[in-house]
Amino acid sequence: MSNKIETIYAAIGIRVRFIREAIGMTQEDLAKAIGQTRTTLVNFENGKQRCMLHNIEAMAKALNTTPKHLLRGLWT
């Protein structure tokens, strides 16, 4: 995986964690909402695991936002 791609996954994870914490949702709650384990969500949030597009869509829905918001500004 290229360094730029790794940076993008880390940025998505940071944004997901920020929104999740801002709305008072636990990792366990978000993991259940997207049909993943808490460990997988931790890996997503830390940029250690790639997020498939359907997971980004599910996270956005669970966080009451849009995939566009989660991905905004990540590519130049």
PDB file of N, CA and C in Angstrom:
ATOM      1  N   MET A   1       0.860  -1.168   0.000  1.00  0.00           N
ATOM      2  CA  MET A   1       0.000   0.000   0.000  1.00  0.00           C
ATOM      3  C   MET A   1       0.906   1.230   0.000  1.00  0.00           C
ATOM      4  N   SER A   2       0.606   2.171  -0.875  1.00  0.00           N
ATOM      5  CA  SER A   2       1.434   3.371  -0.951  1.00  0.00           C
ATOM      6  C   SER A   2       1.219   4.262   0.262  1.00  0.00           C
ATOM      7  N   ASN A   3       2.197   5.105   0.518  1.00  0.00           N
ATOM      8  CA  ASN A   3       2.129   5.990   1.671  1.00  0.00           C
ATOM      9  C   ASN A   3       0.926   6.927   1.593  1.00  0.00           C
ATOM     10  N   LYS A   4       0.596   7.431   0.372  1.00  0.00           N
ATOM     11  CA  LYS A   4      -0.557   8.322   0.231  1.00  0.00           C
ATOM     12  C   LYS A   4      -1.846   7.602   0.586  1.00  0.00           C
ATOM     13  N   ILE A   5      -1.978   6.358   0.139  1.00  0.00           N
ATOM     14  CA  ILE A   5      -3.178   5.580   0.451  1.00  0.00           C
ATOM     15  C   ILE A   5      -3.266   5.316   1.952  1.00  0.00           C
ATOM     16  N   GLU A   6      -2.150   4.979   2.579  1.00  0.00           N
ATOM     17  CA  GLU A   6      -2.150   4.765   4.028  1.00  0.00           C
ATOM     18  C   GLU A   6      -2.613   6.020   4.759  1.00  0.00           C
ATOM     19  N   THR A   7      -2.171   7.170   4.291  1.00  0.00           N
ATOM     20  CA  THR A   7      -2.563   8.448   4.885  1.00  0.00           C
ATOM     21  C   THR A   7      -4.060   8.672   4.749  1.00  0.00           C
ATOM     22  N   ILE A   8      -4.623   8.293   3.615  1.00  0.00           N
ATOM     23  CA  ILE A   8      -6.059   8.461   3.386  1.00  0.00           C
ATOM     24  C   ILE A   8      -6.860   7.575   4.346  1.00  0.00           C
ATOM     25  N   TYR A   9      -6.461   6.320   4.505  1.00  0.00           N
ATOM     26  CA  TYR A   9      -7.158   5.428   5.440  1.00  0.00           C
ATOM     27  C   TYR A   9      -7.062   5.948   6.870  1.00  0.00           C
ATOM     28  N   ALA A  10      -5.890   6.466   7.252  1.00  0.00           N
ATOM     29  CA  ALA A  10      -5.728   7.032   8.597  1.00  0.00           C
ATOM     30  C   ALA A  10      -6.635   8.243   8.779  1.00  0.00           C
ATOM     31  N   ALA A  11      -6.746   9.087   7.750  1.00  0.00           N
ATOM     32  CA  ALA A  11      -7.590  10.287   7.838  1.00  0.00           C
ATOM     33  C   ALA A  11      -9.066   9.923   7.967  1.00  0.00           C
ATOM     34  N   ILE A  12      -9.496   8.913   7.238  1.00  0.00           N
ATOM     35  CA  ILE A  12     -10.886   8.455   7.360  1.00  0.00           C
ATOM     36  C   ILE A  12     -11.132   7.960   8.786  1.00  0.00           C
ATOM     37  N   GLY A  13     -10.203   7.183   9.308  1.00  0.00           N
ATOM     38  CA  GLY A  13     -10.341   6.661  10.660  1.00  0.00           C
ATOM     39  C   GLY A  13     -10.415   7.754  11.710  1.00  0.00           C
ATOM     40  N   ILE A  14      -9.590   8.764  11.559  1.00  0.00           N
ATOM     41  CA  ILE A  14      -9.607   9.890  12.490  1.00  0.00           C
ATOM     42  C   ILE A  14     -10.955  10.594  12.435  1.00  0.00           C
ATOM     43  N   ARG A  15     -11.465  10.803  11.228  1.00  0.00           N
ATOM     44  CA  ARG A  15     -12.754  11.482  11.074  1.00  0.00           C
ATOM     45  C   ARG A  15     -13.884  10.653  11.678  1.00  0.00           C
ATOM     46  N   VAL A  16     -13.874   9.347  11.436  1.00  0.00           N
ATOM     47  CA  VAL A  16     -14.901   8.467  12.000  1.00  0.00           C
ATOM     48  C   VAL A  16     -14.852   8.519  13.525  1.00  0.00           C
ATOM     49  N   ARG A  17     -13.651   8.383  14.094  1.00  0.00           N
ATOM     50  CA  ARG A  17     -13.513   8.417  15.553  1.00  0.00           C
ATOM     51  C   ARG A  17     -13.970   9.756  16.124  1.00  0.00           C
ATOM     52  N   PHE A  18     -13.605  10.858  15.483  1.00  0.00           N
ATOM     53  CA  PHE A  18     -13.995  12.187  15.952  1.00  0.00           C
ATOM     54  C   PHE A  18     -15.516  12.325  15.997  1.00  0.00           C
ATOM     55  N   ILE A  19     -16.179  11.933  14.911  1.00  0.00           N
ATOM     56  CA  ILE A  19     -17.643  12.043  14.855  1.00  0.00           C
ATOM     57  C   ILE A  19     -18.285  11.102  15.867  1.00  0.00           C
ATOM     58  N   ARG A  20     -17.778   9.871  15.928  1.00  0.00           N
ATOM     59  CA  ARG A  20     -18.341   8.881  16.862  1.00  0.00           C
ATOM     60  C   ARG A  20     -18.265   9.396  18.295  1.00  0.00           C
ATOM     61  N   GLU A  21     -17.107   9.903  18.682  1.00  0.00           N
ATOM     62  CA  GLU A  21     -16.952  10.420  20.044  1.00  0.00           C
ATOM     63  C   GLU A  21     -17.804  11.667  20.272  1.00  0.00           C
ATOM     64  N   ALA A  22     -17.921  12.523  19.253  1.00  0.00           N
ATOM     65  CA  ALA A  22     -18.706  13.757  19.392  1.00  0.00           C
ATOM     66  C   ALA A  22     -20.185  13.472  19.652  1.00  0.00           C
ATOM     67  N   ILE A  23     -20.680  12.364  19.105  1.00  0.00           N
ATOM     68  CA  ILE A  23     -22.096  12.044  19.312  1.00  0.00           C
ATOM     69  C   ILE A  23     -22.295  11.067  20.477  1.00  0.00           C
ATOM     70  N   GLY A  24     -21.207  10.718  21.148  1.00  0.00           N
ATOM     71  CA  GLY A  24     -21.304   9.856  22.326  1.00  0.00           C
ATOM     72  C   GLY A  24     -21.531   8.391  22.029  1.00  0.00           C
ATOM     73  N   MET A  25     -21.105   7.940  20.865  1.00  0.00           N
ATOM     74  CA  MET A  25     -21.281   6.541  20.479  1.00  0.00           C
ATOM     75  C   MET A  25     -20.018   5.754  20.835  1.00  0.00           C
ATOM     76  N   THR A  26     -20.191   4.562  21.357  1.00  0.00           N
ATOM     77  CA  THR A  26     -19.042   3.720  21.684  1.00  0.00           C
ATOM     78  C   THR A  26     -18.576   2.973  20.435  1.00  0.00           C
ATOM     79  N   GLN A  27     -17.358   2.466  20.507  1.00  0.00           N
ATOM     80  CA  GLN A  27     -16.852   1.639  19.409  1.00  0.00           C
ATOM     81  C   GLN A  27     -17.725   0.405  19.239  1.00  0.00           C
ATOM     82  N   GLU A  28     -18.142  -0.171  20.337  1.00  0.00           N
ATOM     83  CA  GLU A  28     -18.996  -1.361  20.283  1.00  0.00           C
ATOM     84  C   GLU A  28     -20.311  -1.057  19.564  1.00  0.00           C
ATOM     85  N   ASP A  29     -20.921   0.088  19.888  1.00  0.00           N
ATOM     86  CA  ASP A  29     -22.183   0.471  19.249  1.00  0.00           C
ATOM     87  C   ASP A  29     -22.013   0.652  17.742  1.00  0.00           C
ATOM     88  N   LEU A  30     -20.958   1.350  17.340  1.00  0.00           N
ATOM     89  CA  LEU A  30     -20.740   1.576  15.910  1.00  0.00           C
ATOM     90  C   LEU A  30     -20.410   0.271  15.203  1.00  0.00           C
ATOM     91  N   ALA A  31     -19.606  -0.551  15.832  1.00  0.00           N
ATOM     92  CA  ALA A  31     -19.270  -1.848  15.234  1.00  0.00           C
ATOM     93  C   ALA A  31     -20.524  -2.678  14.972  1.00  0.00           C
ATOM     94  N   LYS A  32     -21.411  -2.733  15.956  1.00  0.00           N
ATOM     95  CA  LYS A  32     -22.667  -3.474  15.785  1.00  0.00           C
ATOM     96  C   LYS A  32     -23.506  -2.872  14.673  1.00  0.00           C
ATOM     97  N   ALA A  33     -23.560  -1.539  14.610  1.00  0.00           N
ATOM     98  CA  ALA A  33     -24.378  -0.855  13.604  1.00  0.00           C
ATOM     99  C   ALA A  33     -23.898  -1.134  12.185  1.00  0.00           C
ATOM    100  N   ILE A  34     -22.599  -1.409  12.024  1.00  0.00           N
ATOM    101  CA  ILE A  34     -22.075  -1.645  10.671  1.00  0.00           C
ATOM    102  C   ILE A  34     -21.820  -3.131  10.403  1.00  0.00           C
ATOM    103  N   GLY A  35     -22.183  -3.966  11.376  1.00  0.00           N
ATOM    104  CA  GLY A  35     -22.031  -5.414  11.182  1.00  0.00           C
ATOM    105  C   GLY A  35     -20.590  -5.888  11.219  1.00  0.00           C
ATOM    106  N   GLN A  36     -19.770  -5.231  12.040  1.00  0.00           N
ATOM    107  CA  GLN A  36     -18.366  -5.606  12.176  1.00  0.00           C
ATOM    108  C   GLN A  36     -18.055  -5.831  13.652  1.00  0.00           C
ATOM    109  N   THR A  37     -16.887  -6.368  13.918  1.00  0.00           N
ATOM    110  CA  THR A  37     -16.458  -6.534  15.303  1.00  0.00           C
ATOM    111  C   THR A  37     -15.838  -5.227  15.791  1.00  0.00           C
ATOM    112  N   ARG A  38     -15.742  -5.089  17.112  1.00  0.00           N
ATOM    113  CA  ARG A  38     -15.106  -3.916  17.686  1.00  0.00           C
ATOM    114  C   ARG A  38     -13.645  -3.854  17.250  1.00  0.00           C
ATOM    115  N   THR A  39     -12.981  -5.004  17.173  1.00  0.00           N
ATOM    116  CA  THR A  39     -11.583  -5.049  16.750  1.00  0.00           C
ATOM    117  C   THR A  39     -11.421  -4.496  15.332  1.00  0.00           C
ATOM    118  N   THR A  40     -12.325  -4.849  14.455  1.00  0.00           N
ATOM    119  CA  THR A  40     -12.280  -4.323  13.093  1.00  0.00           C
ATOM    120  C   THR A  40     -12.464  -2.822  13.095  1.00  0.00           C
ATOM    121  N   LEU A  41     -13.408  -2.332  13.882  1.00  0.00           N
ATOM    122  CA  LEU A  41     -13.621  -0.887  13.956  1.00  0.00           C
ATOM    123  C   LEU A  41     -12.389  -0.175  14.498  1.00  0.00           C
ATOM    124  N   VAL A  42     -11.763  -0.736  15.529  1.00  0.00           N
ATOM    125  CA  VAL A  42     -10.530  -0.156  16.072  1.00  0.00           C
ATOM    126  C   VAL A  42      -9.478  -0.066  14.964  1.00  0.00           C
ATOM    127  N   ASN A  43      -9.352  -1.133  14.179  1.00  0.00           N
ATOM    128  CA  ASN A  43      -8.394  -1.124  13.077  1.00  0.00           C
ATOM    129  C   ASN A  43      -8.752  -0.085  12.018  1.00  0.00           C
ATOM    130  N   PHE A  44     -10.042   0.091  11.707  1.00  0.00           N
ATOM    131  CA  PHE A  44     -10.479   1.137  10.784  1.00  0.00           C
ATOM    132  C   PHE A  44     -10.081   2.511  11.326  1.00  0.00           C
ATOM    133  N   GLU A  45     -10.424   2.752  12.588  1.00  0.00           N
ATOM    134  CA  GLU A  45     -10.170   4.061  13.180  1.00  0.00           C
ATOM    135  C   GLU A  45      -8.675   4.380  13.269  1.00  0.00           C
ATOM    136  N   ASN A  46      -7.854   3.360  13.412  1.00  0.00           N
ATOM    137  CA  ASN A  46      -6.410   3.567  13.503  1.00  0.00           C
ATOM    138  C   ASN A  46      -5.715   3.522  12.142  1.00  0.00           C
ATOM    139  N   GLY A  47      -6.500   3.351  11.076  1.00  0.00           N
ATOM    140  CA  GLY A  47      -5.930   3.309   9.734  1.00  0.00           C
ATOM    141  C   GLY A  47      -5.111   2.064   9.452  1.00  0.00           C
ATOM    142  N   LYS A  48      -5.328   1.013  10.236  1.00  0.00           N
ATOM    143  CA  LYS A  48      -4.570  -0.228  10.074  1.00  0.00           C
ATOM    144  C   LYS A  48      -5.274  -1.241   9.186  1.00  0.00           C
ATOM    145  N   GLN A  49      -6.507  -0.944   8.833  1.00  0.00           N
ATOM    146  CA  GLN A  49      -7.278  -1.854   7.989  1.00  0.00           C
ATOM    147  C   GLN A  49      -8.025  -1.036   6.955  1.00  0.00           C
ATOM    148  N   ARG A  50      -8.034  -1.523   5.734  1.00  0.00           N
ATOM    149  CA  ARG A  50      -8.744  -0.825   4.664  1.00  0.00           C
ATOM    150  C   ARG A  50     -10.247  -0.869   4.903  1.00  0.00           C
ATOM    151  N   CYS A  51     -10.892   0.231   4.570  1.00  0.00           N
ATOM    152  CA  CYS A  51     -12.353   0.321   4.672  1.00  0.00           C
ATOM    153  C   CYS A  51     -12.946   0.114   3.291  1.00  0.00           C
ATOM    154  N   MET A  52     -13.752  -0.887   3.154  1.00  0.00           N
ATOM    155  CA  MET A  52     -14.465  -1.090   1.897  1.00  0.00           C
ATOM    156  C   MET A  52     -15.535  -0.007   1.779  1.00  0.00           C
ATOM    157  N   LEU A  53     -15.932   0.296   0.571  1.00  0.00           N
ATOM    158  CA  LEU A  53     -16.911   1.365   0.357  1.00  0.00           C
ATOM    159  C   LEU A  53     -18.222   1.097   1.084  1.00  0.00           C
ATOM    160  N   HIS A  54     -18.653  -0.154   1.121  1.00  0.00           N
ATOM    161  CA  HIS A  54     -19.913  -0.439   1.820  1.00  0.00           C
ATOM    162  C   HIS A  54     -19.774  -0.188   3.327  1.00  0.00           C
ATOM    163  N   ASN A  55     -18.561  -0.350   3.879  1.00  0.00           N
ATOM    164  CA  ASN A  55     -18.345  -0.037   5.296  1.00  0.00           C
ATOM    165  C   ASN A  55     -18.369   1.467   5.531  1.00  0.00           C
ATOM    166  N   ILE A  56     -17.804   2.226   4.609  1.00  0.00           N
ATOM    167  CA  ILE A  56     -17.839   3.691   4.734  1.00  0.00           C
ATOM    168  C   ILE A  56     -19.281   4.174   4.677  1.00  0.00           C
ATOM    169  N   GLU A  57     -20.061   3.601   3.770  1.00  0.00           N
ATOM    170  CA  GLU A  57     -21.478   3.974   3.677  1.00  0.00           C
ATOM    171  C   GLU A  57     -22.222   3.616   4.968  1.00  0.00           C
ATOM    172  N   ALA A  58     -21.969   2.428   5.502  1.00  0.00           N
ATOM    173  CA  ALA A  58     -22.634   2.001   6.738  1.00  0.00           C
ATOM    174  C   ALA A  58     -22.212   2.868   7.926  1.00  0.00           C
ATOM    175  N   MET A  59     -20.924   3.205   8.008  1.00  0.00           N
ATOM    176  CA  MET A  59     -20.461   4.069   9.099  1.00  0.00           C
ATOM    177  C   MET A  59     -21.098   5.442   9.004  1.00  0.00           C
ATOM    178  N   ALA A  60     -21.165   5.985   7.797  1.00  0.00           N
ATOM    179  CA  ALA A  60     -21.780   7.302   7.613  1.00  0.00           C
ATOM    180  C   ALA A  60     -23.235   7.279   8.069  1.00  0.00           C
ATOM    181  N   LYS A  61     -23.958   6.253   7.681  1.00  0.00           N
ATOM    182  CA  LYS A  61     -25.363   6.144   8.071  1.00  0.00           C
ATOM    183  C   LYS A  61     -25.494   6.050   9.590  1.00  0.00           C
ATOM    184  N   ALA A  62     -24.674   5.210  10.208  1.00  0.00           N
ATOM    185  CA  ALA A  62     -24.736   5.033  11.661  1.00  0.00           C
ATOM    186  C   ALA A  62     -24.336   6.304  12.411  1.00  0.00           C
ATOM    187  N   LEU A  63     -23.462   7.102  11.802  1.00  0.00           N
ATOM    188  CA  LEU A  63     -23.010   8.346  12.420  1.00  0.00           C
ATOM    189  C   LEU A  63     -23.878   9.539  12.034  1.00  0.00           C
ATOM    190  N   ASN A  64     -24.960   9.248  11.298  1.00  0.00           N
ATOM    191  CA  ASN A  64     -25.902  10.281  10.865  1.00  0.00           C
ATOM    192  C   ASN A  64     -25.226  11.362  10.001  1.00  0.00           C
ATOM    193  N   THR A  65     -24.382  10.890   9.089  1.00  0.00           N
ATOM    194  CA  THR A  65     -23.724  11.782   8.145  1.00  0.00           C
ATOM    195  C   THR A  65     -23.731  11.109   6.779  1.00  0.00           C
ATOM    196  N   THR A  66     -22.903  11.566   5.870  1.00  0.00           N
ATOM    197  CA  THR A  66     -22.867  11.003   4.528  1.00  0.00           C
ATOM    198  C   THR A  66     -21.469  10.484   4.208  1.00  0.00           C
ATOM    199  N   PRO A  67     -21.372   9.528   3.284  1.00  0.00           N
ATOM    200  CA  PRO A  67     -20.046   9.092   2.848  1.00  0.00           C
ATOM    201  C   PRO A  67     -19.230  10.275   2.300  1.00  0.00           C
ATOM    202  N   LYS A  68     -19.895  11.176   1.613  1.00  0.00           N
ATOM    203  CA  LYS A  68     -19.215  12.357   1.067  1.00  0.00           C
ATOM    204  C   LYS A  68     -18.540  13.152   2.182  1.00  0.00           C
ATOM    205  N   HIS A  69     -19.216  13.288   3.308  1.00  0.00           N
ATOM    206  CA  HIS A  69     -18.629  14.012   4.443  1.00  0.00           C
ATOM    207  C   HIS A  69     -17.407  13.272   4.993  1.00  0.00           C
ATOM    208  N   LEU A  70     -17.485  11.965   5.104  1.00  0.00           N
ATOM    209  CA  LEU A  70     -16.355  11.196   5.622  1.00  0.00           C
ATOM    210  C   LEU A  70     -15.141  11.261   4.698  1.00  0.00           C
ATOM    211  N   LEU A  71     -15.387  11.404   3.402  1.00  0.00           N
ATOM    212  CA  LEU A  71     -14.299  11.389   2.413  1.00  0.00           C
ATOM    213  C   LEU A  71     -13.876  12.770   1.938  1.00  0.00           C
ATOM    214  N   ARG A  72     -14.616  13.794   2.302  1.00  0.00           N
ATOM    215  CA  ARG A  72     -14.348  15.148   1.808  1.00  0.00           C
ATOM    216  C   ARG A  72     -12.924  15.591   2.111  1.00  0.00           C
ATOM    217  N   GLY A  73     -12.271  16.107   1.077  1.00  0.00           N
ATOM    218  CA  GLY A  73     -10.948  16.705   1.223  1.00  0.00           C
ATOM    219  C   GLY A  73      -9.795  15.734   1.341  1.00  0.00           C
ATOM    220  N   LEU A  74     -10.023  14.450   1.109  1.00  0.00           N
ATOM    221  CA  LEU A  74      -8.948  13.479   1.274  1.00  0.00           C
ATOM    222  C   LEU A  74      -8.088  13.318   0.032  1.00  0.00           C
ATOM    223  N   TRP A  75      -8.610  13.637  -1.131  1.00  0.00           N
ATOM    224  CA  TRP A  75      -7.830  13.546  -2.362  1.00  0.00           C
ATOM    225  C   TRP A  75      -7.608  14.938  -2.915  1.00  0.00           C
ATOM    226  N   THR A  76      -6.408  15.168  -3.425  1.00  0.00           N
ATOM    227  CA  THR A  76      -6.099  16.460  -4.027  1.00  0.00           C
ATOM    228  C   THR A  76      -5.738  16.315  -5.472  1.00  0.00           C
TER     229      THR A  76
END
